[in-house]
Amino acid sequence: MSGAEGARPGAGRRELTYAVLLCLAGAGLALWAATRTWSVELAARPAPLPPVRDAHTGAGLLPWLPALAVVGLAGGGAVLATRGRLRRLLGGLLALLGLAVAAGGGYGLSASFPGEVSRHWPALCLLGGLVAAAGGVLTALRGQRWPAMGARYERPARKVAAPAAPAGAGPVTGRRTTEAWDALDRGEDPTVS
């Protein structure tokens, strides 16, 4: 076995780690930036009173933006739990979500909101969306070759032949809850008669 082949599993884990971190960091940055104040509007009042300050966050101006960032955060974690084609499909979806978040940040940079506008929060939202999209693209392109979660996280396969039922097996007929729990422990459905 050559040195390149021996290093391949470590490289796959490293790429998986980078992709998950890119998705989580980008979506987290975009979510944080979307909840900051993007514009402040001052309304004048009569002479002794100070003006009324009306702050608008990115979430208030673009309500879909933090929702997409939260979905991106969840998708970044889901990359760990998927494998094969499903992981590649998830990577494509994360790339699209990241681009949509970046588009929201880009809109925030170019739009004319009322009052005094802060452009650095939309810029961070744009950056976060691009970082999350990069993690999605990496997952879509290379995710099929990455390692999956261990078998201990998977549901055990059903046996072809049913094991002999222990004494007391069958539908639960009494009112005792312990009988229902015992039936569940045996793998039976206590609601089926």
N, C-alpha and C. Protein backbone atom coordinates (compact mmCIF):
# COMPACT_ATOMS: atom_id res chain seq x y z
N MET A 1 0.85 -1.18 0.00
CA MET A 1 0.00 0.00 0.00
C MET A 1 0.89 1.24 0.00
N SER A 2 0.61 2.18 -0.85
CA SER A 2 1.41 3.39 -0.94
C SER A 2 1.04 4.36 0.17
N GLY A 3 1.89 5.34 0.38
CA GLY A 3 1.64 6.32 1.44
C GLY A 3 0.40 7.16 1.16
N ALA A 4 0.11 7.42 -0.12
CA ALA A 4 -1.06 8.23 -0.46
C ALA A 4 -2.34 7.48 -0.14
N GLU A 5 -2.34 6.15 -0.36
CA GLU A 5 -3.55 5.38 -0.06
C GLU A 5 -3.76 5.26 1.44
N GLY A 6 -2.69 5.16 2.20
CA GLY A 6 -2.81 5.05 3.65
C GLY A 6 -3.29 6.34 4.28
N ALA A 7 -2.97 7.48 3.66
CA ALA A 7 -3.37 8.77 4.23
C ALA A 7 -4.78 9.17 3.81
N ARG A 8 -5.38 8.45 2.89
CA ARG A 8 -6.69 8.83 2.35
C ARG A 8 -7.79 8.88 3.41
N PRO A 9 -7.94 7.90 4.33
CA PRO A 9 -9.02 8.01 5.31
C PRO A 9 -8.88 9.26 6.18
N GLY A 10 -7.65 9.61 6.55
CA GLY A 10 -7.45 10.83 7.33
C GLY A 10 -7.81 12.07 6.54
N ALA A 11 -7.52 12.05 5.25
CA ALA A 11 -7.86 13.20 4.41
C ALA A 11 -9.38 13.34 4.28
N GLY A 12 -10.08 12.22 4.18
CA GLY A 12 -11.54 12.27 4.11
C GLY A 12 -12.15 12.84 5.38
N ARG A 13 -11.62 12.43 6.52
CA ARG A 13 -12.12 12.97 7.79
C ARG A 13 -11.82 14.46 7.90
N ARG A 14 -10.64 14.84 7.44
CA ARG A 14 -10.26 16.25 7.49
C ARG A 14 -11.17 17.08 6.59
N GLU A 15 -11.44 16.60 5.39
CA GLU A 15 -12.34 17.32 4.48
C GLU A 15 -13.74 17.40 5.07
N LEU A 16 -14.22 16.31 5.68
CA LEU A 16 -15.53 16.32 6.32
C LEU A 16 -15.57 17.37 7.43
N THR A 17 -14.51 17.43 8.23
CA THR A 17 -14.44 18.42 9.30
C THR A 17 -14.45 19.84 8.74
N TYR A 18 -13.68 20.07 7.69
CA TYR A 18 -13.65 21.40 7.08
C TYR A 18 -15.02 21.79 6.53
N ALA A 19 -15.68 20.86 5.86
CA ALA A 19 -16.99 21.17 5.27
C ALA A 19 -18.01 21.49 6.36
N VAL A 20 -18.03 20.69 7.41
CA VAL A 20 -18.99 20.94 8.50
C VAL A 20 -18.69 22.27 9.17
N LEU A 21 -17.40 22.55 9.42
CA LEU A 21 -17.04 23.82 10.05
C LEU A 21 -17.37 25.01 9.16
N LEU A 22 -17.15 24.87 7.86
CA LEU A 22 -17.51 25.97 6.94
C LEU A 22 -19.01 26.23 6.98
N CYS A 23 -19.80 25.16 6.93
CA CYS A 23 -21.26 25.34 6.95
C CYS A 23 -21.72 25.97 8.27
N LEU A 24 -21.21 25.46 9.38
CA LEU A 24 -21.64 25.97 10.68
C LEU A 24 -21.15 27.39 10.92
N ALA A 25 -19.90 27.66 10.60
CA ALA A 25 -19.36 29.01 10.82
C ALA A 25 -20.04 30.03 9.92
N GLY A 26 -20.23 29.68 8.66
CA GLY A 26 -20.88 30.61 7.74
C GLY A 26 -22.32 30.90 8.12
N ALA A 27 -23.07 29.84 8.41
CA ALA A 27 -24.47 30.04 8.79
C ALA A 27 -24.58 30.76 10.13
N GLY A 28 -23.68 30.43 11.06
CA GLY A 28 -23.70 31.12 12.36
C GLY A 28 -23.37 32.59 12.23
N LEU A 29 -22.38 32.92 11.41
CA LEU A 29 -22.03 34.32 11.18
C LEU A 29 -23.19 35.06 10.52
N ALA A 30 -23.83 34.43 9.55
CA ALA A 30 -24.96 35.07 8.87
C ALA A 30 -26.13 35.28 9.83
N LEU A 31 -26.39 34.29 10.68
CA LEU A 31 -27.48 34.43 11.65
C LEU A 31 -27.18 35.56 12.63
N TRP A 32 -25.96 35.62 13.10
CA TRP A 32 -25.58 36.69 14.04
C TRP A 32 -25.68 38.05 13.37
N ALA A 33 -25.19 38.16 12.15
CA ALA A 33 -25.22 39.45 11.45
C ALA A 33 -26.65 39.86 11.11
N ALA A 34 -27.53 38.89 10.85
CA ALA A 34 -28.91 39.22 10.51
C ALA A 34 -29.69 39.74 11.71
N THR A 35 -29.23 39.44 12.92
CA THR A 35 -29.94 39.90 14.11
C THR A 35 -29.41 41.24 14.63
N ARG A 36 -28.43 41.82 13.97
CA ARG A 36 -27.88 43.12 14.35
C ARG A 36 -28.68 44.24 13.69
N THR A 37 -28.50 45.45 14.17
CA THR A 37 -29.21 46.61 13.64
C THR A 37 -28.59 47.05 12.32
N TRP A 38 -29.40 47.01 11.26
CA TRP A 38 -28.93 47.39 9.93
C TRP A 38 -29.24 48.85 9.62
N SER A 39 -30.31 49.39 10.19
CA SER A 39 -30.63 50.81 9.96
C SER A 39 -31.34 51.38 11.18
N VAL A 40 -31.13 52.67 11.38
CA VAL A 40 -31.75 53.41 12.48
C VAL A 40 -32.46 54.61 11.90
N GLU A 41 -33.73 54.72 12.23
CA GLU A 41 -34.55 55.83 11.74
C GLU A 41 -34.89 56.73 12.93
N LEU A 42 -34.65 58.00 12.79
CA LEU A 42 -34.96 58.97 13.84
C LEU A 42 -36.18 59.79 13.43
N ALA A 43 -37.18 59.83 14.31
CA ALA A 43 -38.39 60.63 14.06
C ALA A 43 -38.37 61.82 15.02
N ALA A 44 -38.44 63.00 14.47
CA ALA A 44 -38.40 64.21 15.29
C ALA A 44 -39.69 64.38 16.08
N ARG A 45 -39.52 64.92 17.31
CA ARG A 45 -40.67 65.23 18.16
C ARG A 45 -40.58 66.69 18.60
N PRO A 46 -41.61 67.21 19.26
CA PRO A 46 -41.57 68.61 19.71
C PRO A 46 -40.33 68.91 20.56
N ALA A 47 -39.98 70.19 20.66
CA ALA A 47 -38.72 70.71 21.19
C ALA A 47 -38.18 70.06 22.47
N PRO A 48 -38.87 69.91 23.54
CA PRO A 48 -38.16 69.39 24.72
C PRO A 48 -37.93 67.86 24.65
N LEU A 49 -38.61 67.18 23.77
CA LEU A 49 -38.49 65.73 23.70
C LEU A 49 -37.41 65.30 22.72
N PRO A 50 -36.67 64.25 23.06
CA PRO A 50 -35.66 63.75 22.12
C PRO A 50 -36.32 63.01 20.96
N PRO A 51 -35.64 62.85 19.86
CA PRO A 51 -36.23 62.12 18.73
C PRO A 51 -36.44 60.65 19.08
N VAL A 52 -37.41 60.05 18.43
CA VAL A 52 -37.69 58.63 18.63
C VAL A 52 -36.75 57.84 17.73
N ARG A 53 -36.08 56.88 18.32
CA ARG A 53 -35.12 56.05 17.58
C ARG A 53 -35.80 54.73 17.24
N ASP A 54 -35.91 54.43 15.96
CA ASP A 54 -36.52 53.18 15.50
C ASP A 54 -35.46 52.36 14.79
N ALA A 55 -35.00 51.29 15.46
CA ALA A 55 -33.94 50.45 14.91
C ALA A 55 -34.54 49.28 14.14
N HIS A 56 -33.94 48.96 12.98
CA HIS A 56 -34.38 47.86 12.14
C HIS A 56 -33.23 46.85 12.02
N THR A 57 -33.49 45.62 12.43
CA THR A 57 -32.48 44.57 12.27
C THR A 57 -32.61 43.95 10.88
N GLY A 58 -31.61 43.18 10.54
CA GLY A 58 -31.68 42.47 9.27
C GLY A 58 -32.84 41.48 9.26
N ALA A 59 -33.13 40.88 10.41
CA ALA A 59 -34.26 39.95 10.50
C ALA A 59 -35.58 40.69 10.33
N GLY A 60 -35.65 41.94 10.77
CA GLY A 60 -36.87 42.71 10.60
C GLY A 60 -37.07 43.17 9.17
N LEU A 61 -35.96 43.46 8.50
CA LEU A 61 -36.04 43.93 7.11
C LEU A 61 -36.18 42.77 6.13
N LEU A 62 -35.52 41.65 6.40
CA LEU A 62 -35.59 40.45 5.55
C LEU A 62 -35.89 39.26 6.45
N PRO A 63 -37.16 39.00 6.76
CA PRO A 63 -37.51 37.97 7.74
C PRO A 63 -37.07 36.56 7.35
N TRP A 64 -36.89 36.29 6.10
CA TRP A 64 -36.48 34.95 5.66
C TRP A 64 -35.00 34.69 5.87
N LEU A 65 -34.21 35.72 6.07
CA LEU A 65 -32.77 35.58 6.17
C LEU A 65 -32.32 34.76 7.38
N PRO A 66 -32.77 35.07 8.60
CA PRO A 66 -32.35 34.23 9.72
C PRO A 66 -32.91 32.81 9.64
N ALA A 67 -34.07 32.65 9.03
CA ALA A 67 -34.64 31.30 8.89
C ALA A 67 -33.74 30.44 8.00
N LEU A 68 -33.26 31.00 6.90
CA LEU A 68 -32.35 30.24 6.04
C LEU A 68 -31.03 29.95 6.74
N ALA A 69 -30.56 30.88 7.56
CA ALA A 69 -29.32 30.65 8.29
C ALA A 69 -29.48 29.52 9.31
N VAL A 70 -30.63 29.45 9.96
CA VAL A 70 -30.88 28.36 10.91
C VAL A 70 -30.95 27.02 10.19
N VAL A 71 -31.58 27.00 9.03
CA VAL A 71 -31.62 25.76 8.23
C VAL A 71 -30.21 25.37 7.81
N GLY A 72 -29.38 26.35 7.49
CA GLY A 72 -27.98 26.08 7.17
C GLY A 72 -27.22 25.49 8.34
N LEU A 73 -27.49 25.98 9.55
CA LEU A 73 -26.87 25.40 10.74
C LEU A 73 -27.28 23.95 10.93
N ALA A 74 -28.56 23.68 10.78
CA ALA A 74 -29.05 22.30 10.93
C ALA A 74 -28.47 21.41 9.84
N GLY A 75 -28.38 21.92 8.63
CA GLY A 75 -27.82 21.15 7.53
C GLY A 75 -26.35 20.84 7.73
N GLY A 76 -25.62 21.77 8.33
CA GLY A 76 -24.21 21.53 8.63
C GLY A 76 -24.04 20.35 9.57
N GLY A 77 -24.92 20.23 10.55
CA GLY A 77 -24.88 19.07 11.43
C GLY A 77 -25.35 17.80 10.75
N ALA A 78 -26.27 17.95 9.82
CA ALA A 78 -26.81 16.77 9.12
C ALA A 78 -25.78 16.17 8.17
N VAL A 79 -24.79 16.93 7.78
CA VAL A 79 -23.73 16.37 6.93
C VAL A 79 -23.06 15.20 7.63
N LEU A 80 -22.92 15.29 8.95
CA LEU A 80 -22.30 14.21 9.71
C LEU A 80 -23.15 12.94 9.72
N ALA A 81 -24.45 13.09 9.69
CA ALA A 81 -25.35 11.95 9.84
C ALA A 81 -25.74 11.29 8.52
N THR A 82 -25.33 11.86 7.41
CA THR A 82 -25.70 11.30 6.11
C THR A 82 -24.49 10.68 5.45
N ARG A 83 -24.74 10.00 4.34
CA ARG A 83 -23.64 9.40 3.58
C ARG A 83 -24.06 9.25 2.13
N GLY A 84 -23.08 9.04 1.28
CA GLY A 84 -23.33 8.73 -0.12
C GLY A 84 -24.05 9.82 -0.88
N ARG A 85 -25.02 9.40 -1.67
CA ARG A 85 -25.77 10.34 -2.52
C ARG A 85 -26.58 11.33 -1.72
N LEU A 86 -27.13 10.87 -0.60
CA LEU A 86 -27.91 11.78 0.24
C LEU A 86 -27.03 12.91 0.76
N ARG A 87 -25.80 12.61 1.13
CA ARG A 87 -24.87 13.64 1.59
C ARG A 87 -24.55 14.62 0.46
N ARG A 88 -24.37 14.10 -0.74
CA ARG A 88 -24.08 14.99 -1.88
C ARG A 88 -25.29 15.89 -2.18
N LEU A 89 -26.48 15.33 -2.11
CA LEU A 89 -27.70 16.12 -2.32
C LEU A 89 -27.83 17.19 -1.24
N LEU A 90 -27.53 16.82 0.00
CA LEU A 90 -27.56 17.79 1.09
C LEU A 90 -26.53 18.90 0.86
N GLY A 91 -25.36 18.53 0.34
CA GLY A 91 -24.35 19.54 0.03
C GLY A 91 -24.84 20.53 -1.02
N GLY A 92 -25.52 20.03 -2.04
CA GLY A 92 -26.09 20.94 -3.04
C GLY A 92 -27.13 21.87 -2.44
N LEU A 93 -27.96 21.33 -1.55
CA LEU A 93 -28.97 22.15 -0.89
C LEU A 93 -28.30 23.20 0.00
N LEU A 94 -27.25 22.81 0.71
CA LEU A 94 -26.54 23.78 1.55
C LEU A 94 -25.86 24.86 0.72
N ALA A 95 -25.36 24.49 -0.45
CA ALA A 95 -24.77 25.50 -1.33
C ALA A 95 -25.82 26.51 -1.78
N LEU A 96 -27.01 26.01 -2.13
CA LEU A 96 -28.09 26.93 -2.53
C LEU A 96 -28.54 27.81 -1.37
N LEU A 97 -28.65 27.23 -0.18
CA LEU A 97 -29.03 28.02 1.00
C LEU A 97 -27.99 29.10 1.28
N GLY A 98 -26.72 28.74 1.19
CA GLY A 98 -25.66 29.72 1.41
C GLY A 98 -25.71 30.85 0.40
N LEU A 99 -25.97 30.51 -0.85
CA LEU A 99 -26.07 31.55 -1.87
C LEU A 99 -27.28 32.45 -1.63
N ALA A 100 -28.38 31.87 -1.15
CA ALA A 100 -29.57 32.68 -0.85
C ALA A 100 -29.28 33.63 0.31
N VAL A 101 -28.57 33.15 1.32
CA VAL A 101 -28.20 34.01 2.45
C VAL A 101 -27.25 35.10 1.97
N ALA A 102 -26.30 34.74 1.11
CA ALA A 102 -25.38 35.73 0.55
C ALA A 102 -26.14 36.77 -0.28
N ALA A 103 -27.16 36.33 -1.00
CA ALA A 103 -27.98 37.27 -1.77
C ALA A 103 -28.71 38.24 -0.85
N GLY A 104 -29.17 37.75 0.30
CA GLY A 104 -29.80 38.65 1.27
C GLY A 104 -28.82 39.67 1.81
N GLY A 105 -27.59 39.23 2.07
CA GLY A 105 -26.57 40.19 2.51
C GLY A 105 -26.22 41.18 1.42
N GLY A 106 -26.16 40.70 0.18
CA GLY A 106 -25.89 41.60 -0.94
C GLY A 106 -27.00 42.62 -1.13
N TYR A 107 -28.24 42.17 -0.94
CA TYR A 107 -29.37 43.11 -1.03
C TYR A 107 -29.26 44.16 0.07
N GLY A 108 -28.88 43.72 1.27
CA GLY A 108 -28.72 44.66 2.37
C GLY A 108 -27.63 45.69 2.11
N LEU A 109 -26.61 45.30 1.36
CA LEU A 109 -25.55 46.25 1.01
C LEU A 109 -26.00 47.29 0.00
N SER A 110 -26.85 46.87 -0.94
CA SER A 110 -27.22 47.78 -2.03
C SER A 110 -28.56 48.49 -1.83
N ALA A 111 -29.39 48.01 -0.92
CA ALA A 111 -30.72 48.62 -0.74
C ALA A 111 -30.62 49.95 -0.01
N SER A 112 -31.61 50.77 -0.22
CA SER A 112 -31.68 52.05 0.49
C SER A 112 -32.77 51.95 1.55
N PHE A 113 -32.34 51.64 2.75
CA PHE A 113 -33.27 51.56 3.87
C PHE A 113 -33.46 52.94 4.46
N PRO A 114 -34.59 53.18 5.14
CA PRO A 114 -34.81 54.51 5.72
C PRO A 114 -33.85 54.77 6.89
N GLY A 115 -33.43 56.01 7.02
CA GLY A 115 -32.59 56.41 8.14
C GLY A 115 -31.12 56.15 7.90
N GLU A 116 -30.36 56.13 9.00
CA GLU A 116 -28.92 55.89 8.94
C GLU A 116 -28.67 54.39 8.79
N VAL A 117 -27.94 54.00 7.77
CA VAL A 117 -27.76 52.59 7.42
C VAL A 117 -26.35 52.14 7.76
N SER A 118 -26.25 50.98 8.38
CA SER A 118 -24.95 50.37 8.68
C SER A 118 -24.71 49.26 7.65
N ARG A 119 -23.64 49.35 6.90
CA ARG A 119 -23.38 48.40 5.82
C ARG A 119 -22.50 47.23 6.23
N HIS A 120 -21.88 47.27 7.41
CA HIS A 120 -20.99 46.16 7.76
C HIS A 120 -21.74 44.90 8.18
N TRP A 121 -22.96 45.01 8.72
CA TRP A 121 -23.71 43.80 9.08
C TRP A 121 -24.19 43.06 7.84
N PRO A 122 -24.73 43.74 6.84
CA PRO A 122 -25.06 43.01 5.61
C PRO A 122 -23.82 42.41 4.94
N ALA A 123 -22.67 43.09 5.05
CA ALA A 123 -21.44 42.55 4.47
C ALA A 123 -21.04 41.26 5.18
N LEU A 124 -21.18 41.22 6.50
CA LEU A 124 -20.88 39.99 7.24
C LEU A 124 -21.87 38.89 6.90
N CYS A 125 -23.10 39.27 6.67
CA CYS A 125 -24.12 38.29 6.26
C CYS A 125 -23.77 37.73 4.88
N LEU A 126 -23.33 38.57 3.99
CA LEU A 126 -22.89 38.13 2.67
C LEU A 126 -21.70 37.18 2.79
N LEU A 127 -20.74 37.54 3.61
CA LEU A 127 -19.56 36.69 3.82
C LEU A 127 -19.96 35.34 4.42
N GLY A 128 -20.83 35.36 5.43
CA GLY A 128 -21.29 34.11 6.04
C GLY A 128 -22.00 33.21 5.05
N GLY A 129 -22.82 33.79 4.20
CA GLY A 129 -23.51 33.01 3.18
C GLY A 129 -22.54 32.37 2.20
N LEU A 130 -21.51 33.11 1.81
CA LEU A 130 -20.52 32.57 0.88
C LEU A 130 -19.70 31.45 1.52
N VAL A 131 -19.37 31.60 2.80
CA VAL A 131 -18.62 30.56 3.51
C VAL A 131 -19.47 29.30 3.63
N ALA A 132 -20.75 29.47 3.98
CA ALA A 132 -21.65 28.31 4.08
C ALA A 132 -21.83 27.64 2.71
N ALA A 133 -21.92 28.44 1.67
CA ALA A 133 -22.05 27.89 0.32
C ALA A 133 -20.80 27.11 -0.06
N ALA A 134 -19.63 27.59 0.35
CA ALA A 134 -18.38 26.87 0.07
C ALA A 134 -18.39 25.50 0.76
N GLY A 135 -18.88 25.44 1.98
CA GLY A 135 -19.00 24.15 2.67
C GLY A 135 -19.98 23.24 1.97
N GLY A 136 -21.06 23.79 1.45
CA GLY A 136 -22.02 22.99 0.70
C GLY A 136 -21.45 22.47 -0.60
N VAL A 137 -20.69 23.30 -1.31
CA VAL A 137 -20.07 22.87 -2.56
C VAL A 137 -19.04 21.77 -2.30
N LEU A 138 -18.24 21.93 -1.25
CA LEU A 138 -17.27 20.90 -0.89
C LEU A 138 -17.97 19.58 -0.57
N THR A 139 -19.09 19.65 0.13
CA THR A 139 -19.85 18.45 0.45
C THR A 139 -20.44 17.82 -0.80
N ALA A 140 -20.96 18.64 -1.69
CA ALA A 140 -21.57 18.10 -2.91
C ALA A 140 -20.54 17.44 -3.81
N LEU A 141 -19.34 18.00 -3.86
CA LEU A 141 -18.32 17.47 -4.76
C LEU A 141 -17.59 16.25 -4.19
N ARG A 142 -17.32 16.26 -2.91
CA ARG A 142 -16.46 15.23 -2.34
C ARG A 142 -17.11 14.42 -1.24
N GLY A 143 -18.34 14.73 -0.88
CA GLY A 143 -18.98 14.11 0.28
C GLY A 143 -19.23 12.62 0.18
N GLN A 144 -19.36 12.10 -1.02
CA GLN A 144 -19.66 10.68 -1.18
C GLN A 144 -18.49 9.81 -0.72
N ARG A 145 -17.29 10.33 -0.75
CA ARG A 145 -16.10 9.56 -0.38
C ARG A 145 -15.75 9.68 1.10
N TRP A 146 -16.42 10.53 1.83
CA TRP A 146 -16.08 10.74 3.23
C TRP A 146 -16.62 9.62 4.09
N PRO A 147 -16.01 9.41 5.25
CA PRO A 147 -16.50 8.36 6.15
C PRO A 147 -17.86 8.73 6.73
N ALA A 148 -18.60 7.69 7.09
CA ALA A 148 -19.93 7.89 7.69
C ALA A 148 -19.84 7.62 9.18
N MET A 149 -20.92 7.89 9.86
CA MET A 149 -20.97 7.60 11.29
C MET A 149 -20.81 6.11 11.51
N GLY A 150 -20.36 5.74 12.69
CA GLY A 150 -20.16 4.33 13.01
C GLY A 150 -21.46 3.56 13.07
N ALA A 151 -21.34 2.26 13.05
CA ALA A 151 -22.52 1.39 13.06
C ALA A 151 -23.29 1.48 14.37
N ARG A 152 -22.67 1.94 15.40
CA ARG A 152 -23.39 2.01 16.68
C ARG A 152 -24.52 3.04 16.64
N TYR A 153 -24.50 3.95 15.64
CA TYR A 153 -25.56 4.94 15.51
C TYR A 153 -26.68 4.47 14.60
N GLU A 154 -26.53 3.31 13.99
CA GLU A 154 -27.53 2.82 13.07
C GLU A 154 -28.48 1.86 13.76
N ARG A 155 -29.66 1.76 13.22
CA ARG A 155 -30.66 0.85 13.74
C ARG A 155 -30.25 -0.58 13.38
N PRO A 156 -30.34 -1.51 14.33
CA PRO A 156 -29.94 -2.88 14.01
C PRO A 156 -30.88 -3.49 12.98
N ALA A 157 -30.31 -4.34 12.12
CA ALA A 157 -31.11 -4.99 11.08
C ALA A 157 -32.05 -6.01 11.71
N ARG A 158 -33.21 -6.16 11.10
CA ARG A 158 -34.17 -7.15 11.60
C ARG A 158 -33.72 -8.54 11.21
N LYS A 159 -33.95 -9.47 12.10
CA LYS A 159 -33.61 -10.86 11.83
C LYS A 159 -34.69 -11.48 10.97
N VAL A 160 -34.29 -12.39 10.09
CA VAL A 160 -35.23 -13.02 9.18
C VAL A 160 -36.16 -13.94 9.94
N ALA A 161 -35.61 -14.80 10.77
CA ALA A 161 -36.44 -15.73 11.55
C ALA A 161 -36.78 -15.09 12.88
N ALA A 162 -38.03 -15.14 13.24
CA ALA A 162 -38.47 -14.55 14.50
C ALA A 162 -38.01 -15.44 15.65
N PRO A 163 -37.41 -14.86 16.69
CA PRO A 163 -36.98 -15.67 17.82
C PRO A 163 -38.18 -16.23 18.57
N ALA A 164 -37.93 -17.28 19.29
CA ALA A 164 -39.00 -17.89 20.08
C ALA A 164 -39.46 -16.90 21.13
N ALA A 165 -40.75 -16.77 21.26
CA ALA A 165 -41.31 -15.80 22.19
C ALA A 165 -41.12 -16.31 23.61
N PRO A 166 -40.63 -15.45 24.51
CA PRO A 166 -40.48 -15.86 25.90
C PRO A 166 -41.84 -16.03 26.57
N ALA A 167 -41.80 -16.61 27.71
CA ALA A 167 -43.05 -16.83 28.45
C ALA A 167 -43.71 -15.48 28.71
N GLY A 168 -44.99 -15.44 28.53
CA GLY A 168 -45.74 -14.20 28.75
C GLY A 168 -45.77 -13.33 27.52
N ALA A 169 -45.28 -13.83 26.37
CA ALA A 169 -45.30 -13.03 25.15
C ALA A 169 -46.70 -13.02 24.57
N GLY A 170 -46.95 -12.03 23.77
CA GLY A 170 -48.27 -11.89 23.14
C GLY A 170 -48.82 -10.54 23.48
N PRO A 171 -50.03 -10.27 23.02
CA PRO A 171 -50.61 -8.95 23.29
C PRO A 171 -50.84 -8.74 24.78
N VAL A 172 -50.64 -7.52 25.21
CA VAL A 172 -50.84 -7.17 26.61
C VAL A 172 -52.32 -6.95 26.83
N THR A 173 -52.86 -7.68 27.78
CA THR A 173 -54.29 -7.59 28.03
C THR A 173 -54.62 -6.92 29.36
N GLY A 174 -53.69 -6.90 30.26
CA GLY A 174 -53.96 -6.32 31.58
C GLY A 174 -53.81 -4.82 31.57
N ARG A 175 -54.06 -4.21 32.71
CA ARG A 175 -53.96 -2.77 32.82
C ARG A 175 -52.62 -2.34 33.43
N ARG A 176 -51.78 -3.28 33.73
CA ARG A 176 -50.52 -2.93 34.36
C ARG A 176 -49.57 -2.34 33.32
N THR A 177 -48.99 -1.21 33.63
CA THR A 177 -48.09 -0.57 32.69
C THR A 177 -46.77 -1.32 32.56
N THR A 178 -46.40 -2.06 33.58
CA THR A 178 -45.14 -2.80 33.48
C THR A 178 -45.23 -3.88 32.41
N GLU A 179 -46.42 -4.44 32.20
CA GLU A 179 -46.59 -5.44 31.15
C GLU A 179 -46.37 -4.81 29.77
N ALA A 180 -46.84 -3.58 29.60
CA ALA A 180 -46.65 -2.89 28.32
C ALA A 180 -45.17 -2.60 28.10
N TRP A 181 -44.48 -2.16 29.15
CA TRP A 181 -43.05 -1.89 29.01
C TRP A 181 -42.27 -3.18 28.73
N ASP A 182 -42.66 -4.26 29.38
CA ASP A 182 -42.00 -5.55 29.11
C ASP A 182 -42.21 -5.97 27.66
N ALA A 183 -43.41 -5.74 27.13
CA ALA A 183 -43.68 -6.08 25.74
C ALA A 183 -42.82 -5.23 24.80
N LEU A 184 -42.65 -3.94 25.12
CA LEU A 184 -41.78 -3.08 24.31
C LEU A 184 -40.33 -3.57 24.37
N ASP A 185 -39.88 -4.01 25.55
CA ASP A 185 -38.53 -4.54 25.67
C ASP A 185 -38.32 -5.78 24.81
N ARG A 186 -39.37 -6.59 24.65
CA ARG A 186 -39.28 -7.79 23.82
C ARG A 186 -39.37 -7.46 22.33
N GLY A 187 -39.66 -6.20 22.00
CA GLY A 187 -39.77 -5.80 20.61
C GLY A 187 -41.18 -5.95 20.07
N GLU A 188 -42.16 -6.08 20.93
CA GLU A 188 -43.54 -6.23 20.51
C GLU A 188 -44.28 -4.92 20.66
N ASP A 189 -45.34 -4.78 19.93
CA ASP A 189 -46.21 -3.61 20.02
C ASP A 189 -47.33 -3.94 20.97
N PRO A 190 -47.39 -3.32 22.15
CA PRO A 190 -48.43 -3.67 23.12
C PRO A 190 -49.83 -3.18 22.72
N THR A 191 -49.91 -2.36 21.68
CA THR A 191 -51.23 -1.87 21.27
C THR A 191 -51.90 -2.79 20.29
N VAL A 192 -51.16 -3.76 19.73
CA VAL A 192 -51.73 -4.69 18.77
C VAL A 192 -52.28 -5.89 19.52
N SER A 193 -53.54 -6.22 19.24
CA SER A 193 -54.12 -7.36 19.95
C SER A 193 -54.16 -8.59 19.10
